[in-house]
């Protein structure tokens, strides 16, 4: 017989599944619409739509090979994050009827995966893209608002999942 998880456990698993789905679709979108999203990375790294202040322009990366590697690293980070999130969800599902301590122990991978996803948005897009490459200065190639939304939602789910029963 199928063990039905308690409502709080089910809510945590559904929240985790939502983040897993989002990151999966983000990674898939970067592969399927490679050119559009690669152009985003290229413009952010080259800083060609920023204010162009000499004090910051030394940070620009204009080498197409390095830009390509950076984009592939983003796709890899998102893909790994999605896989970790789904694996964390499976682990929670398998522990859905377990006692409190076993349920708490099963959360480890999900928490790691959520921290990974959170870091993609905060470190990758807000800190590195937004501040180091001055993405905030670009009207067209500024992903900080979206990254902030994703980081906020992921952070809230992280806090929710990590909460002790």
Protein backbone atom coordinates (compact mmCIF):
# COMPACT_ATOMS: atom_id res chain seq x y z
CA UNK A 1 0.00 0.00 0.00
CA UNK A 2 1.21 3.52 -0.82
CA UNK A 3 2.18 5.52 2.24
CA UNK A 4 0.67 8.98 2.08
CA UNK A 5 2.99 11.64 3.52
CA UNK A 6 1.75 14.11 6.11
CA UNK A 7 0.59 17.44 4.73
CA UNK A 8 3.70 19.35 5.92
CA UNK A 9 5.99 16.75 4.33
CA UNK A 10 3.97 16.79 1.13
CA UNK A 11 4.12 20.60 1.06
CA UNK A 12 7.92 20.50 1.40
CA UNK A 13 8.21 17.96 -1.39
CA UNK A 14 5.93 19.97 -3.68
CA UNK A 15 7.90 23.15 -3.01
CA UNK A 16 11.13 21.31 -3.77
CA UNK A 17 9.60 19.86 -6.95
CA UNK A 18 8.70 23.38 -8.06
CA UNK A 19 12.29 24.56 -7.76
CA UNK A 20 13.52 21.37 -9.47
CA UNK A 21 11.12 21.95 -12.35
CA UNK A 22 12.15 25.59 -12.68
CA UNK A 23 15.86 24.84 -12.75
CA UNK A 24 15.29 21.94 -15.17
CA UNK A 25 13.40 24.24 -17.53
CA UNK A 26 16.07 26.95 -17.19
CA UNK A 27 18.79 24.48 -18.16
CA UNK A 28 16.69 23.06 -20.99
CA UNK A 29 15.88 26.54 -22.26
CA UNK A 30 19.58 27.38 -22.37
CA UNK A 31 20.19 24.30 -24.51
CA UNK A 32 17.13 24.58 -26.77
CA UNK A 33 17.43 28.35 -27.27
CA UNK A 34 21.20 28.31 -27.14
CA UNK A 35 21.86 31.32 -29.35
CA UNK A 36 19.55 33.75 -27.58
CA UNK A 37 20.77 32.92 -24.12
CA UNK A 38 24.39 32.73 -25.25
CA UNK A 39 24.00 36.28 -26.59
CA UNK A 40 22.88 37.36 -23.11
CA UNK A 41 26.05 35.91 -21.56
CA UNK A 42 28.21 37.40 -24.33
CA UNK A 43 26.82 40.91 -23.79
CA UNK A 44 27.10 40.72 -20.00
CA UNK A 45 30.68 39.45 -20.11
CA UNK A 46 31.80 41.90 -22.81
CA UNK A 47 30.11 44.76 -20.92
CA UNK A 48 29.27 46.32 -24.27
CA UNK A 49 25.96 47.81 -23.09
CA UNK A 50 27.23 49.25 -19.78
CA UNK A 51 28.29 52.84 -19.17
CA UNK A 52 31.77 51.94 -20.50
CA UNK A 53 33.70 53.57 -17.68
CA UNK A 54 37.42 52.80 -18.04
CA UNK A 55 37.74 51.90 -14.35
CA UNK A 56 35.42 48.91 -14.87
CA UNK A 57 36.03 47.93 -18.49
CA UNK A 58 39.21 46.03 -17.59
CA UNK A 59 36.86 43.35 -16.25
CA UNK A 60 35.25 42.75 -19.63
CA UNK A 61 35.71 39.36 -21.26
CA UNK A 62 35.56 39.65 -25.03
CA UNK A 63 37.18 36.37 -26.04
CA UNK A 64 34.40 34.29 -27.67
CA UNK A 65 35.95 31.03 -26.45
CA UNK A 66 35.93 32.18 -22.83
CA UNK A 67 32.39 33.50 -23.23
CA UNK A 68 31.36 30.10 -24.61
CA UNK A 69 33.00 28.33 -21.67
CA UNK A 70 31.23 30.61 -19.21
CA UNK A 71 27.88 29.86 -20.84
CA UNK A 72 28.56 26.12 -20.80
CA UNK A 73 29.50 26.42 -17.11
CA UNK A 74 26.13 28.08 -16.42
CA UNK A 75 24.31 25.29 -18.25
CA UNK A 76 26.33 22.66 -16.36
CA UNK A 77 25.63 24.34 -13.01
CA UNK A 78 21.90 24.52 -13.73
CA UNK A 79 21.80 20.92 -14.96
CA UNK A 80 23.70 19.63 -11.93
CA UNK A 81 21.43 21.68 -9.66
CA UNK A 82 18.31 20.25 -11.30
CA UNK A 83 19.62 16.69 -10.96
CA UNK A 84 20.47 17.26 -7.30
CA UNK A 85 17.03 18.72 -6.65
CA UNK A 86 15.24 15.77 -8.27
CA UNK A 87 17.47 13.32 -6.37
CA UNK A 88 16.73 15.17 -3.14
CA UNK A 89 13.02 14.91 -3.90
CA UNK A 90 13.32 11.15 -4.47
CA UNK A 91 15.15 10.80 -1.16
CA UNK A 92 12.39 12.72 0.63
CA UNK A 93 9.71 10.66 -1.10
CA UNK A 94 11.38 7.45 0.06
CA UNK A 95 11.44 8.81 3.65
CA UNK A 96 7.88 10.18 3.54
CA UNK A 97 6.53 7.69 6.09
CA UNK A 98 9.69 7.48 8.21
CA UNK A 99 10.06 8.80 11.72
CA UNK A 100 11.11 12.37 12.40
CA UNK A 101 14.85 11.68 12.68
CA UNK A 102 14.95 9.64 9.47
CA UNK A 103 12.95 12.36 7.67
CA UNK A 104 15.35 15.01 8.96
CA UNK A 105 18.34 12.95 7.81
CA UNK A 106 16.78 12.51 4.36
CA UNK A 107 16.63 16.28 3.88
CA UNK A 108 20.42 16.66 3.48
CA UNK A 109 20.58 16.27 -0.28
CA UNK A 110 17.54 18.49 -0.83
CA UNK A 111 19.08 21.22 1.32
CA UNK A 112 22.41 20.94 -0.51
CA UNK A 113 20.59 21.15 -3.85
CA UNK A 114 18.61 24.21 -2.78
CA UNK A 115 21.78 25.94 -1.60
CA UNK A 116 23.37 25.09 -4.97
CA UNK A 117 20.39 26.57 -6.86
CA UNK A 118 20.31 29.63 -4.59
CA UNK A 119 24.03 30.15 -5.24
CA UNK A 120 23.57 30.06 -9.02
CA UNK A 121 21.28 33.07 -8.81
CA UNK A 122 23.04 35.00 -6.04
CA UNK A 123 26.68 34.29 -6.85
CA UNK A 124 26.43 33.80 -10.61
CA UNK A 125 23.88 36.36 -11.66
CA UNK A 126 23.60 38.94 -8.88
CA UNK A 127 27.21 39.10 -7.61
CA UNK A 128 29.31 38.18 -10.65
CA UNK A 129 27.02 39.23 -13.49
CA UNK A 130 25.36 42.12 -11.72
CA UNK A 131 28.25 43.65 -9.84
CA UNK A 132 31.52 42.41 -11.32
CA UNK A 133 30.36 42.76 -14.94
CA UNK A 134 28.10 45.75 -14.12
CA UNK A 135 25.01 44.09 -15.61
CA UNK A 136 22.93 46.56 -13.60
CA UNK A 137 24.10 49.29 -15.99
CA UNK A 138 22.56 47.61 -19.04
CA UNK A 139 18.98 48.34 -19.98
CA UNK A 140 18.76 45.43 -22.42
CA UNK A 141 20.96 42.71 -20.87
CA UNK A 142 20.11 42.99 -17.18
CA UNK A 143 18.96 39.78 -15.53
CA UNK A 144 19.20 40.95 -11.93
CA UNK A 145 15.44 41.30 -11.35
CA UNK A 146 14.78 37.77 -12.57
CA UNK A 147 17.75 36.39 -10.61
CA UNK A 148 16.49 38.14 -7.49
CA UNK A 149 13.03 36.58 -7.93
CA UNK A 150 14.55 33.14 -8.42
CA UNK A 151 16.90 33.55 -5.45
CA UNK A 152 14.07 34.76 -3.23
CA UNK A 153 11.77 31.89 -4.10
CA UNK A 154 14.57 29.35 -3.81
CA UNK A 155 15.67 30.83 -0.47
CA UNK A 156 12.15 30.65 0.91
CA UNK A 157 11.83 27.02 -0.16
CA UNK A 158 15.24 26.31 1.40
CA UNK A 159 14.07 27.75 4.72
CA UNK A 160 10.80 25.83 4.50
CA UNK A 161 12.43 22.48 3.67
CA UNK A 162 15.17 22.91 6.27
CA UNK A 163 12.68 23.63 9.07
CA UNK A 164 12.55 20.86 11.61
CA UNK A 165 9.27 19.03 12.09
